[in-house]
Amino acid sequence: MNRPLTAALAAFVLAGCATVPDRQSAADTTAEAPKRAFIERSLVVAPESLGEFRLAGMDDFPDQPQAGVALQFNHPDFPDVVISLFVYPVGRVDRETALEQGMEQFRRELAMLSAQGHYADVAYGDETAFDLDAVAQDGQAVVPDLPPEVPETDKPASSEERFLALVAEIEPGMDTTLGRRLPLRFTRDGRPTDSATFMFYRGLHLYKGRVSAAAGALPADSFERFANHAMTRIVPAVQVRNTGGCDQTSITIDSQAGEEQQQEQLMRGIIESARRNEDEKCKPVLDKSVPAGHRAIELVYPASMWN
């Protein structure tokens, strides 16, 4: 968690402002709030240039906002390598579930296209975990260092110690750099093709990256490293801002718990909500500003998309 956010939360909690609310009054306040669709609008923002990579195209799908935005990138040294990124909404779900369903959907789509004659001889490699933060400069995936084990101690006594312990516990569980990688080979238009598909759950969206090249255009190891490097540069740089009911926050407090437990539940809820808001970039009003050197596409969703 970034230090300004942590410091602000610490001041709020430790100053005694974070008192346990009355359950009935909290329920009444929620009932008075106008109900909004979970995501009403999103703005997908991408830089024109990312080091060697250039944004070659950025398009939405008319009348299909659920399909999101398709981005195409190229590299001047490898003009025949196709680099694509698809960003589309899935809502607030468990990360592993989102990644699993995203990969299953990709396999179904490829099977359908194969049945229609667009692809042939599809052969999948092993699907593996992939960490954007665990890739060397040359694109080689590396095994990340495990954090040192912290010996168990007695439960922190002070409010400050309890707050910092909760921050340390909650922060690692919300890493948007962790995803999946699936290598494959197929034939299209009579040409064998090497490809790799990547899947990440970031905020409220799935990011599906694909890198493809004619088989043999790059040695296998070089293609793998190039694909890894492309994802590490492109995926973190493409941002999505949102507005809608995703901005609303609720914290559940167990009325039967003791005072200390309720205070911890409240602190945990505040930290998790702040971290989630930071990750999901959901605000009451959509920020439509586009920085210089960037492109953006706004998506407007029908309320019927969301349960």
C-alpha atoms as a PDB file:
ATOM      1  CA  MET A   1       0.000   0.000   0.000  1.00  0.00           C
ATOM      2  CA  ASN A   2       1.358   3.460  -0.787  1.00  0.00           C
ATOM      3  CA  ARG A   3       2.566   5.518   2.149  1.00  0.00           C
ATOM      4  CA  PRO A   4       0.184   8.518   1.770  1.00  0.00           C
ATOM      5  CA  LEU A   5      -2.826   6.185   1.820  1.00  0.00           C
ATOM      6  CA  THR A   6      -1.468   4.267   4.814  1.00  0.00           C
ATOM      7  CA  ALA A   7      -0.692   7.454   6.696  1.00  0.00           C
ATOM      8  CA  ALA A   8      -4.151   8.899   6.057  1.00  0.00           C
ATOM      9  CA  LEU A   9      -5.838   5.728   7.248  1.00  0.00           C
ATOM     10  CA  ALA A  10      -3.608   5.545  10.297  1.00  0.00           C
ATOM     11  CA  ALA A  11      -4.495   9.113  11.278  1.00  0.00           C
ATOM     12  CA  PHE A  12      -8.185   8.379  10.809  1.00  0.00           C
ATOM     13  CA  VAL A  13      -8.202   5.134  12.776  1.00  0.00           C
ATOM     14  CA  LEU A  14      -5.760   6.025  15.502  1.00  0.00           C
ATOM     15  CA  ALA A  15      -7.286   9.426  16.206  1.00  0.00           C
ATOM     16  CA  GLY A  16     -10.391   7.604  17.393  1.00  0.00           C
ATOM     17  CA  CYS A  17     -12.607   8.785  14.520  1.00  0.00           C
ATOM     18  CA  ALA A  18     -13.245   5.227  13.425  1.00  0.00           C
ATOM     19  CA  THR A  19     -15.914   4.357  15.939  1.00  0.00           C
ATOM     20  CA  VAL A  20     -18.216   1.409  15.437  1.00  0.00           C
ATOM     21  CA  PRO A  21     -21.401   2.739  13.778  1.00  0.00           C
ATOM     22  CA  ASP A  22     -24.872   1.926  14.963  1.00  0.00           C
ATOM     23  CA  ARG A  23     -26.113  -0.944  12.785  1.00  0.00           C
ATOM     24  CA  GLN A  24     -29.622   0.501  12.323  1.00  0.00           C
ATOM     25  CA  SER A  25     -28.469   4.008  11.382  1.00  0.00           C
ATOM     26  CA  ALA A  26     -25.934   2.572   8.923  1.00  0.00           C
ATOM     27  CA  ALA A  27     -28.669   0.480   7.294  1.00  0.00           C
ATOM     28  CA  ASP A  28     -30.950   3.518   7.037  1.00  0.00           C
ATOM     29  CA  THR A  29     -28.193   5.569   5.362  1.00  0.00           C
ATOM     30  CA  THR A  30     -27.549   2.814   2.802  1.00  0.00           C
ATOM     31  CA  ALA A  31     -31.268   2.585   2.026  1.00  0.00           C
ATOM     32  CA  GLU A  32     -31.420   6.335   1.274  1.00  0.00           C
ATOM     33  CA  ALA A  33     -28.486   6.231  -1.160  1.00  0.00           C
ATOM     34  CA  PRO A  34     -29.559   6.129  -4.832  1.00  0.00           C
ATOM     35  CA  LYS A  35     -28.871   2.756  -6.396  1.00  0.00           C
ATOM     36  CA  ARG A  36     -26.500   2.844  -9.346  1.00  0.00           C
ATOM     37  CA  ALA A  37     -25.475   0.162 -11.813  1.00  0.00           C
ATOM     38  CA  PHE A  38     -22.298  -1.478 -10.562  1.00  0.00           C
ATOM     39  CA  ILE A  39     -20.248   0.049 -13.402  1.00  0.00           C
ATOM     40  CA  GLU A  40     -21.974   2.717 -15.447  1.00  0.00           C
ATOM     41  CA  ARG A  41     -18.978   3.887 -17.503  1.00  0.00           C
ATOM     42  CA  SER A  42     -15.311   3.079 -17.925  1.00  0.00           C
ATOM     43  CA  LEU A  43     -12.494   5.000 -19.565  1.00  0.00           C
ATOM     44  CA  VAL A  44      -9.657   2.860 -20.951  1.00  0.00           C
ATOM     45  CA  VAL A  45      -6.470   4.920 -21.227  1.00  0.00           C
ATOM     46  CA  ALA A  46      -3.308   3.776 -23.031  1.00  0.00           C
ATOM     47  CA  PRO A  47       0.007   5.503 -23.836  1.00  0.00           C
ATOM     48  CA  GLU A  48       1.005   6.022 -27.461  1.00  0.00           C
ATOM     49  CA  SER A  49       4.550   4.916 -26.699  1.00  0.00           C
ATOM     50  CA  LEU A  50       6.048   2.451 -24.226  1.00  0.00           C
ATOM     51  CA  GLY A  51       9.777   2.345 -24.770  1.00  0.00           C
ATOM     52  CA  GLU A  52      10.233   0.359 -27.986  1.00  0.00           C
ATOM     53  CA  PHE A  53       6.520  -0.497 -28.245  1.00  0.00           C
ATOM     54  CA  ARG A  54       4.070   1.714 -30.129  1.00  0.00           C
ATOM     55  CA  LEU A  55       0.288   1.786 -29.920  1.00  0.00           C
ATOM     56  CA  ALA A  56      -0.800   0.912 -33.454  1.00  0.00           C
ATOM     57  CA  GLY A  57      -4.558   0.706 -32.909  1.00  0.00           C
ATOM     58  CA  MET A  58      -7.235   1.079 -30.233  1.00  0.00           C
ATOM     59  CA  ASP A  59     -10.874   0.194 -30.905  1.00  0.00           C
ATOM     60  CA  ASP A  60     -14.053  -0.723 -29.108  1.00  0.00           C
ATOM     61  CA  PHE A  61     -16.818  -3.016 -30.326  1.00  0.00           C
ATOM     62  CA  PRO A  62     -19.918  -1.066 -31.434  1.00  0.00           C
ATOM     63  CA  ASP A  63     -23.010  -1.951 -29.395  1.00  0.00           C
ATOM     64  CA  GLN A  64     -20.953  -4.494 -27.403  1.00  0.00           C
ATOM     65  CA  PRO A  65     -19.516  -2.610 -24.402  1.00  0.00           C
ATOM     66  CA  GLN A  66     -19.131  -5.923 -22.554  1.00  0.00           C
ATOM     67  CA  ALA A  67     -16.428  -6.811 -25.124  1.00  0.00           C
ATOM     68  CA  GLY A  68     -14.336  -3.881 -23.916  1.00  0.00           C
ATOM     69  CA  VAL A  69     -11.453  -2.437 -25.911  1.00  0.00           C
ATOM     70  CA  ALA A  70      -8.922  -4.054 -28.257  1.00  0.00           C
ATOM     71  CA  LEU A  71      -5.419  -2.561 -28.432  1.00  0.00           C
ATOM     72  CA  GLN A  72      -2.695  -3.379 -30.942  1.00  0.00           C
ATOM     73  CA  PHE A  73       0.997  -2.684 -30.379  1.00  0.00           C
ATOM     74  CA  ASN A  74       4.059  -3.137 -32.537  1.00  0.00           C
ATOM     75  CA  HIS A  75       7.836  -3.176 -32.145  1.00  0.00           C
ATOM     76  CA  PRO A  76      10.005  -1.657 -34.900  1.00  0.00           C
ATOM     77  CA  ASP A  77      12.577  -4.460 -34.687  1.00  0.00           C
ATOM     78  CA  PHE A  78       9.917  -7.166 -34.953  1.00  0.00           C
ATOM     79  CA  PRO A  79       7.281  -5.766 -37.345  1.00  0.00           C
ATOM     80  CA  ASP A  80       5.747  -9.183 -38.064  1.00  0.00           C
ATOM     81  CA  VAL A  81       5.034 -10.014 -34.414  1.00  0.00           C
ATOM     82  CA  VAL A  82       1.386  -9.311 -33.541  1.00  0.00           C
ATOM     83  CA  ILE A  83       0.909  -7.884 -30.033  1.00  0.00           C
ATOM     84  CA  SER A  84      -2.684  -7.521 -28.815  1.00  0.00           C
ATOM     85  CA  LEU A  85      -4.324  -6.604 -25.536  1.00  0.00           C
ATOM     86  CA  PHE A  86      -8.052  -6.956 -24.849  1.00  0.00           C
ATOM     87  CA  VAL A  87      -9.476  -5.166 -21.808  1.00  0.00           C
ATOM     88  CA  TYR A  88     -13.045  -5.986 -20.823  1.00  0.00           C
ATOM     89  CA  PRO A  89     -15.202  -5.725 -17.670  1.00  0.00           C
ATOM     90  CA  VAL A  90     -15.949  -8.662 -15.366  1.00  0.00           C
ATOM     91  CA  GLY A  91     -16.864  -6.879 -12.123  1.00  0.00           C
ATOM     92  CA  ARG A  92     -15.722  -7.580  -8.577  1.00  0.00           C
ATOM     93  CA  VAL A  93     -14.857 -11.274  -8.354  1.00  0.00           C
ATOM     94  CA  ASP A  94     -12.223 -13.522  -6.850  1.00  0.00           C
ATOM     95  CA  ARG A  95      -8.988 -13.172  -8.833  1.00  0.00           C
ATOM     96  CA  GLU A  96      -8.340 -16.876  -9.324  1.00  0.00           C
ATOM     97  CA  THR A  97     -11.941 -17.420 -10.408  1.00  0.00           C
ATOM     98  CA  ALA A  98     -11.677 -14.545 -12.893  1.00  0.00           C
ATOM     99  CA  LEU A  99      -8.436 -15.896 -14.360  1.00  0.00           C
ATOM    100  CA  GLU A 100      -9.780 -19.440 -14.609  1.00  0.00           C
ATOM    101  CA  GLN A 101     -12.991 -18.332 -16.300  1.00  0.00           C
ATOM    102  CA  GLY A 102     -11.081 -15.991 -18.604  1.00  0.00           C
ATOM    103  CA  MET A 103      -8.815 -18.793 -19.809  1.00  0.00           C
ATOM    104  CA  GLU A 104     -11.769 -21.162 -20.222  1.00  0.00           C
ATOM    105  CA  GLN A 105     -13.556 -18.543 -22.319  1.00  0.00           C
ATOM    106  CA  PHE A 106     -10.446 -18.090 -24.473  1.00  0.00           C
ATOM    107  CA  ARG A 107     -10.250 -21.840 -25.125  1.00  0.00           C
ATOM    108  CA  ARG A 108     -13.956 -21.960 -26.035  1.00  0.00           C
ATOM    109  CA  GLU A 109     -13.585 -19.050 -28.442  1.00  0.00           C
ATOM    110  CA  LEU A 110     -10.582 -20.662 -30.128  1.00  0.00           C
ATOM    111  CA  ALA A 111     -12.458 -23.968 -30.400  1.00  0.00           C
ATOM    112  CA  MET A 112     -15.409 -22.172 -32.014  1.00  0.00           C
ATOM    113  CA  LEU A 113     -13.140 -20.378 -34.493  1.00  0.00           C
ATOM    114  CA  SER A 114     -11.402 -23.661 -35.263  1.00  0.00           C
ATOM    115  CA  ALA A 115     -14.752 -25.303 -35.955  1.00  0.00           C
ATOM    116  CA  GLN A 116     -15.495 -22.456 -38.362  1.00  0.00           C
ATOM    117  CA  GLY A 117     -12.239 -23.113 -40.202  1.00  0.00           C
ATOM    118  CA  HIS A 118     -10.303 -20.036 -39.088  1.00  0.00           C
ATOM    119  CA  TYR A 119      -7.719 -22.051 -37.136  1.00  0.00           C
ATOM    120  CA  ALA A 120      -6.339 -25.583 -37.458  1.00  0.00           C
ATOM    121  CA  ASP A 121      -3.919 -27.870 -35.640  1.00  0.00           C
ATOM    122  CA  VAL A 122      -4.319 -26.046 -32.323  1.00  0.00           C
ATOM    123  CA  ALA A 123      -1.863 -27.411 -29.738  1.00  0.00           C
ATOM    124  CA  TYR A 124      -1.718 -25.992 -26.221  1.00  0.00           C
ATOM    125  CA  GLY A 125       1.333 -25.928 -23.993  1.00  0.00           C
ATOM    126  CA  ASP A 126       1.225 -25.926 -20.200  1.00  0.00           C
ATOM    127  CA  GLU A 127      -0.755 -23.142 -18.581  1.00  0.00           C
ATOM    128  CA  THR A 128       1.335 -21.641 -15.776  1.00  0.00           C
ATOM    129  CA  ALA A 129       1.248 -18.823 -13.261  1.00  0.00           C
ATOM    130  CA  PHE A 130       2.900 -15.629 -14.459  1.00  0.00           C
ATOM    131  CA  ASP A 131       4.049 -12.643 -12.404  1.00  0.00           C
ATOM    132  CA  LEU A 132       4.709  -9.325 -14.124  1.00  0.00           C
ATOM    133  CA  ASP A 133       7.093  -8.445 -11.296  1.00  0.00           C
ATOM    134  CA  ALA A 134       9.130 -11.631 -11.798  1.00  0.00           C
ATOM    135  CA  VAL A 135      10.503 -11.011 -15.286  1.00  0.00           C
ATOM    136  CA  ALA A 136      14.123 -10.037 -15.910  1.00  0.00           C
ATOM    137  CA  GLN A 137      15.162  -7.235 -18.279  1.00  0.00           C
ATOM    138  CA  ASP A 138      15.769  -9.780 -21.059  1.00  0.00           C
ATOM    139  CA  GLY A 139      12.241 -11.170 -20.690  1.00  0.00           C
ATOM    140  CA  GLN A 140      13.299 -14.297 -18.828  1.00  0.00           C
ATOM    141  CA  ALA A 141      10.724 -15.286 -16.210  1.00  0.00           C
ATOM    142  CA  VAL A 142      12.380 -15.696 -12.833  1.00  0.00           C
ATOM    143  CA  VAL A 143      11.283 -17.180  -9.554  1.00  0.00           C
ATOM    144  CA  PRO A 144      10.518 -14.306  -7.178  1.00  0.00           C
ATOM    145  CA  ASP A 145      12.181 -14.197  -3.793  1.00  0.00           C
ATOM    146  CA  LEU A 146       9.877 -15.309  -1.024  1.00  0.00           C
ATOM    147  CA  PRO A 147       9.360 -12.793   1.757  1.00  0.00           C
ATOM    148  CA  PRO A 148      11.229 -13.710   4.929  1.00  0.00           C
ATOM    149  CA  GLU A 149       9.218 -15.628   7.444  1.00  0.00           C
ATOM    150  CA  VAL A 150       8.087 -13.528  10.346  1.00  0.00           C
ATOM    151  CA  PRO A 151       8.036 -15.421  13.619  1.00  0.00           C
ATOM    152  CA  GLU A 152       4.684 -15.499  15.352  1.00  0.00           C
ATOM    153  CA  THR A 153       4.382 -13.149  18.276  1.00  0.00           C
ATOM    154  CA  ASP A 154       1.712 -12.205  20.735  1.00  0.00           C
ATOM    155  CA  LYS A 155      -1.130 -10.155  19.264  1.00  0.00           C
ATOM    156  CA  PRO A 156      -0.071  -6.471  19.031  1.00  0.00           C
ATOM    157  CA  ALA A 157      -1.446  -4.571  21.983  1.00  0.00           C
ATOM    158  CA  SER A 158      -1.664  -0.980  20.770  1.00  0.00           C
ATOM    159  CA  SER A 159      -4.078   0.355  18.152  1.00  0.00           C
ATOM    160  CA  GLU A 160      -1.149   1.476  16.002  1.00  0.00           C
ATOM    161  CA  GLU A 161       0.475  -1.970  16.083  1.00  0.00           C
ATOM    162  CA  ARG A 162      -2.820  -3.656  15.291  1.00  0.00           C
ATOM    163  CA  PHE A 163      -3.434  -1.278  12.381  1.00  0.00           C
ATOM    164  CA  LEU A 164       0.036  -1.809  10.879  1.00  0.00           C
ATOM    165  CA  ALA A 165      -0.307  -5.575  11.302  1.00  0.00           C
ATOM    166  CA  LEU A 166      -3.584  -5.474   9.367  1.00  0.00           C
ATOM    167  CA  VAL A 167      -1.971  -3.392   6.599  1.00  0.00           C
ATOM    168  CA  ALA A 168       0.832  -5.949   6.287  1.00  0.00           C
ATOM    169  CA  GLU A 169      -1.689  -8.801   6.203  1.00  0.00           C
ATOM    170  CA  ILE A 170      -4.090  -7.275   3.670  1.00  0.00           C
ATOM    171  CA  GLU A 171      -1.712  -5.642   1.166  1.00  0.00           C
ATOM    172  CA  PRO A 172      -0.068  -8.789  -0.320  1.00  0.00           C
ATOM    173  CA  GLY A 173      -3.447 -10.349  -1.115  1.00  0.00           C
ATOM    174  CA  MET A 174      -4.373  -7.678  -3.647  1.00  0.00           C
ATOM    175  CA  ASP A 175      -1.492  -7.949  -6.116  1.00  0.00           C
ATOM    176  CA  THR A 176      -2.702  -7.249  -9.672  1.00  0.00           C
ATOM    177  CA  THR A 177       0.597  -8.407 -11.228  1.00  0.00           C
ATOM    178  CA  LEU A 178      -0.234 -12.102 -10.832  1.00  0.00           C
ATOM    179  CA  GLY A 179      -1.816 -13.804 -13.828  1.00  0.00           C
ATOM    180  CA  ARG A 180      -1.685 -16.815 -16.127  1.00  0.00           C
ATOM    181  CA  ARG A 181       0.338 -17.678 -19.236  1.00  0.00           C
ATOM    182  CA  LEU A 182      -0.664 -20.181 -21.925  1.00  0.00           C
ATOM    183  CA  PRO A 183       1.647 -20.998 -24.874  1.00  0.00           C
ATOM    184  CA  LEU A 184       0.110 -22.525 -27.991  1.00  0.00           C
ATOM    185  CA  ARG A 185       0.704 -23.213 -31.664  1.00  0.00           C
ATOM    186  CA  PHE A 186      -1.855 -23.199 -34.445  1.00  0.00           C
ATOM    187  CA  THR A 187      -2.160 -22.943 -38.224  1.00  0.00           C
ATOM    188  CA  ARG A 188      -3.940 -20.000 -39.779  1.00  0.00           C
ATOM    189  CA  ASP A 189      -4.239 -19.372 -43.495  1.00  0.00           C
ATOM    190  CA  GLY A 190      -1.899 -22.295 -43.979  1.00  0.00           C
ATOM    191  CA  ARG A 191       0.858 -20.746 -41.844  1.00  0.00           C
ATOM    192  CA  PRO A 192       2.012 -22.369 -38.568  1.00  0.00           C
ATOM    193  CA  THR A 193       2.051 -19.762 -35.812  1.00  0.00           C
ATOM    194  CA  ASP A 194       3.618 -19.582 -32.353  1.00  0.00           C
ATOM    195  CA  SER A 195       1.514 -17.722 -29.804  1.00  0.00           C
ATOM    196  CA  ALA A 196       1.208 -16.984 -26.107  1.00  0.00           C
ATOM    197  CA  THR A 197      -1.884 -15.823 -24.266  1.00  0.00           C
ATOM    198  CA  PHE A 198      -1.719 -13.993 -20.932  1.00  0.00           C
ATOM    199  CA  MET A 199      -4.547 -13.253 -18.504  1.00  0.00           C
ATOM    200  CA  PHE A 200      -4.615 -10.739 -15.635  1.00  0.00           C
ATOM    201  CA  TYR A 201      -7.373  -9.480 -13.346  1.00  0.00           C
ATOM    202  CA  ARG A 202      -6.772  -5.812 -12.650  1.00  0.00           C
ATOM    203  CA  GLY A 203      -9.338  -3.689 -10.890  1.00  0.00           C
ATOM    204  CA  LEU A 204     -12.713  -4.697 -12.287  1.00  0.00           C
ATOM    205  CA  HIS A 205     -11.431  -5.874 -15.669  1.00  0.00           C
ATOM    206  CA  LEU A 206      -9.720  -8.800 -17.314  1.00  0.00           C
ATOM    207  CA  TYR A 207      -6.638  -8.036 -19.395  1.00  0.00           C
ATOM    208  CA  LYS A 208      -6.061 -10.669 -22.082  1.00  0.00           C
ATOM    209  CA  GLY A 209      -2.738 -10.296 -23.848  1.00  0.00           C
ATOM    210  CA  ARG A 210      -1.720 -12.206 -26.986  1.00  0.00           C
ATOM    211  CA  VAL A 211       1.607 -12.289 -28.785  1.00  0.00           C
ATOM    212  CA  SER A 212       1.853 -14.225 -32.059  1.00  0.00           C
ATOM    213  CA  ALA A 213       4.488 -14.755 -34.760  1.00  0.00           C
ATOM    214  CA  ALA A 214       5.080 -17.094 -37.679  1.00  0.00           C
ATOM    215  CA  ALA A 215       6.553 -20.336 -36.397  1.00  0.00           C
ATOM    216  CA  GLY A 216      10.335 -20.159 -36.571  1.00  0.00           C
ATOM    217  CA  ALA A 217      10.462 -16.392 -37.069  1.00  0.00           C
ATOM    218  CA  LEU A 218      12.044 -16.267 -33.623  1.00  0.00           C
ATOM    219  CA  PRO A 219      13.764 -19.110 -31.768  1.00  0.00           C
ATOM    220  CA  ALA A 220      11.409 -20.588 -29.166  1.00  0.00           C
ATOM    221  CA  ASP A 221      13.314 -19.131 -26.230  1.00  0.00           C
ATOM    222  CA  SER A 222      13.537 -15.693 -27.862  1.00  0.00           C
ATOM    223  CA  PHE A 223       9.811 -15.670 -28.660  1.00  0.00           C
ATOM    224  CA  GLU A 224       8.970 -16.582 -25.069  1.00  0.00           C
ATOM    225  CA  ARG A 225      11.179 -13.838 -23.671  1.00  0.00           C
ATOM    226  CA  PHE A 226       9.856 -11.279 -26.160  1.00  0.00           C
ATOM    227  CA  ALA A 227       6.254 -12.097 -25.232  1.00  0.00           C
ATOM    228  CA  ASN A 228       7.038 -11.845 -21.514  1.00  0.00           C
ATOM    229  CA  HIS A 229       8.797  -8.514 -21.991  1.00  0.00           C
ATOM    230  CA  ALA A 230       5.908  -7.107 -24.036  1.00  0.00           C
ATOM    231  CA  MET A 231       3.412  -7.915 -21.289  1.00  0.00           C
ATOM    232  CA  THR A 232       5.551  -6.393 -18.528  1.00  0.00           C
ATOM    233  CA  ARG A 233       5.738  -3.112 -20.439  1.00  0.00           C
ATOM    234  CA  ILE A 234       2.180  -2.904 -21.765  1.00  0.00           C
ATOM    235  CA  VAL A 235      -0.192  -4.372 -19.169  1.00  0.00           C
ATOM    236  CA  PRO A 236       0.693  -2.107 -16.195  1.00  0.00           C
ATOM    237  CA  ALA A 237       0.602   0.978 -18.433  1.00  0.00           C
ATOM    238  CA  VAL A 238      -2.998   0.505 -19.641  1.00  0.00           C
ATOM    239  CA  GLN A 239      -5.349   1.923 -17.019  1.00  0.00           C
ATOM    240  CA  VAL A 240      -9.119   1.794 -16.598  1.00  0.00           C
ATOM    241  CA  ARG A 241     -11.143   4.366 -14.652  1.00  0.00           C
ATOM    242  CA  ASN A 242     -14.701   3.588 -13.602  1.00  0.00           C
ATOM    243  CA  THR A 243     -17.805   5.151 -12.165  1.00  0.00           C
ATOM    244  CA  GLY A 244     -20.985   3.613 -10.762  1.00  0.00           C
ATOM    245  CA  GLY A 245     -22.108   1.655  -7.741  1.00  0.00           C
ATOM    246  CA  CYS A 246     -18.588   0.233  -7.436  1.00  0.00           C
ATOM    247  CA  ASP A 247     -17.760   3.486  -5.632  1.00  0.00           C
ATOM    248  CA  GLN A 248     -20.085   2.637  -2.743  1.00  0.00           C
ATOM    249  CA  THR A 249     -18.532   1.062   0.335  1.00  0.00           C
ATOM    250  CA  SER A 250     -20.061  -0.946   3.145  1.00  0.00           C
ATOM    251  CA  ILE A 251     -18.383  -2.451   6.192  1.00  0.00           C
ATOM    252  CA  THR A 252     -19.970  -5.267   8.169  1.00  0.00           C
ATOM    253  CA  ILE A 253     -19.558  -5.269  11.950  1.00  0.00           C
ATOM    254  CA  ASP A 254     -20.596  -8.263  14.059  1.00  0.00           C
ATOM    255  CA  SER A 255     -22.862  -6.835  16.745  1.00  0.00           C
ATOM    256  CA  GLN A 256     -22.273  -9.928  18.900  1.00  0.00           C
ATOM    257  CA  ALA A 257     -18.481  -9.499  18.927  1.00  0.00           C
ATOM    258  CA  GLY A 258     -16.569  -7.804  21.712  1.00  0.00           C
ATOM    259  CA  GLU A 259     -15.502  -4.187  21.507  1.00  0.00           C
ATOM    260  CA  GLU A 260     -11.896  -5.012  20.554  1.00  0.00           C
ATOM    261  CA  GLN A 261     -13.052  -7.426  17.827  1.00  0.00           C
ATOM    262  CA  GLN A 262     -15.485  -4.850  16.458  1.00  0.00           C
ATOM    263  CA  GLN A 263     -12.725  -2.247  16.345  1.00  0.00           C
ATOM    264  CA  GLU A 264     -10.508  -4.674  14.428  1.00  0.00           C
ATOM    265  CA  GLN A 265     -13.344  -5.495  12.008  1.00  0.00           C
ATOM    266  CA  LEU A 266     -13.833  -1.783  11.403  1.00  0.00           C
ATOM    267  CA  MET A 267     -10.120  -1.162  10.844  1.00  0.00           C
ATOM    268  CA  ARG A 268      -9.932  -4.152   8.488  1.00  0.00           C
ATOM    269  CA  GLY A 269     -12.957  -2.901   6.565  1.00  0.00           C
ATOM    270  CA  ILE A 270     -11.498   0.596   6.205  1.00  0.00           C
ATOM    271  CA  ILE A 271      -8.141  -0.721   4.980  1.00  0.00           C
ATOM    272  CA  GLU A 272      -9.688  -3.219   2.543  1.00  0.00           C
ATOM    273  CA  SER A 273     -12.110  -0.619   1.178  1.00  0.00           C
ATOM    274  CA  ALA A 274      -9.373   1.968   0.675  1.00  0.00           C
ATOM    275  CA  ARG A 275      -7.130  -0.549  -1.036  1.00  0.00           C
ATOM    276  CA  ARG A 276      -9.981  -1.786  -3.222  1.00  0.00           C
ATOM    277  CA  ASN A 277     -10.906   1.767  -4.234  1.00  0.00           C
ATOM    278  CA  GLU A 278      -7.298   2.413  -5.159  1.00  0.00           C
ATOM    279  CA  ASP A 279      -7.131  -0.751  -7.296  1.00  0.00           C
ATOM    280  CA  GLU A 280     -10.527  -0.402  -8.961  1.00  0.00           C
ATOM    281  CA  LYS A 281     -10.259   3.333  -9.662  1.00  0.00           C
ATOM    282  CA  CYS A 282     -13.993   3.754  -9.238  1.00  0.00           C
ATOM    283  CA  LYS A 283     -15.170   7.288  -8.436  1.00  0.00           C
ATOM    284  CA  PRO A 284     -18.564   8.995  -8.108  1.00  0.00           C
ATOM    285  CA  VAL A 285     -17.811  10.903 -11.327  1.00  0.00           C
ATOM    286  CA  LEU A 286     -15.737   9.515 -14.190  1.00  0.00           C
ATOM    287  CA  ASP A 287     -12.440  11.309 -14.770  1.00  0.00           C
ATOM    288  CA  LYS A 288     -12.393  11.803 -18.560  1.00  0.00           C
ATOM    289  CA  SER A 289      -9.097  13.672 -18.753  1.00  0.00           C
ATOM    290  CA  VAL A 290      -6.568  12.154 -21.160  1.00  0.00           C
ATOM    291  CA  PRO A 291      -2.871  12.894 -20.553  1.00  0.00           C
ATOM    292  CA  ALA A 292      -0.727  14.085 -23.436  1.00  0.00           C
ATOM    293  CA  GLY A 293       0.666  11.198 -25.445  1.00  0.00           C
ATOM    294  CA  HIS A 294      -2.247   8.905 -24.579  1.00  0.00           C
ATOM    295  CA  ARG A 295      -5.425   7.660 -26.240  1.00  0.00           C
ATOM    296  CA  ALA A 296      -8.694   6.797 -24.523  1.00  0.00           C
ATOM    297  CA  ILE A 297     -12.002   5.108 -25.241  1.00  0.00           C
ATOM    298  CA  GLU A 298     -15.088   5.473 -23.061  1.00  0.00           C
ATOM    299  CA  LEU A 299     -17.387   2.492 -22.559  1.00  0.00           C
ATOM    300  CA  VAL A 300     -21.033   2.945 -21.495  1.00  0.00           C
ATOM    301  CA  TYR A 301     -22.687  -0.148 -20.026  1.00  0.00           C
ATOM    302  CA  PRO A 302     -26.413  -0.950 -19.819  1.00  0.00           C
ATOM    303  CA  ALA A 303     -27.594  -1.503 -16.253  1.00  0.00           C
ATOM    304  CA  SER A 304     -28.790  -4.974 -17.285  1.00  0.00           C
ATOM    305  CA  MET A 305     -25.160  -6.113 -17.522  1.00  0.00           C
ATOM    306  CA  TRP A 306     -24.806  -6.261 -13.742  1.00  0.00           C
ATOM    307  CA  ASN A 307     -26.472  -8.467 -11.159  1.00  0.00           C
END
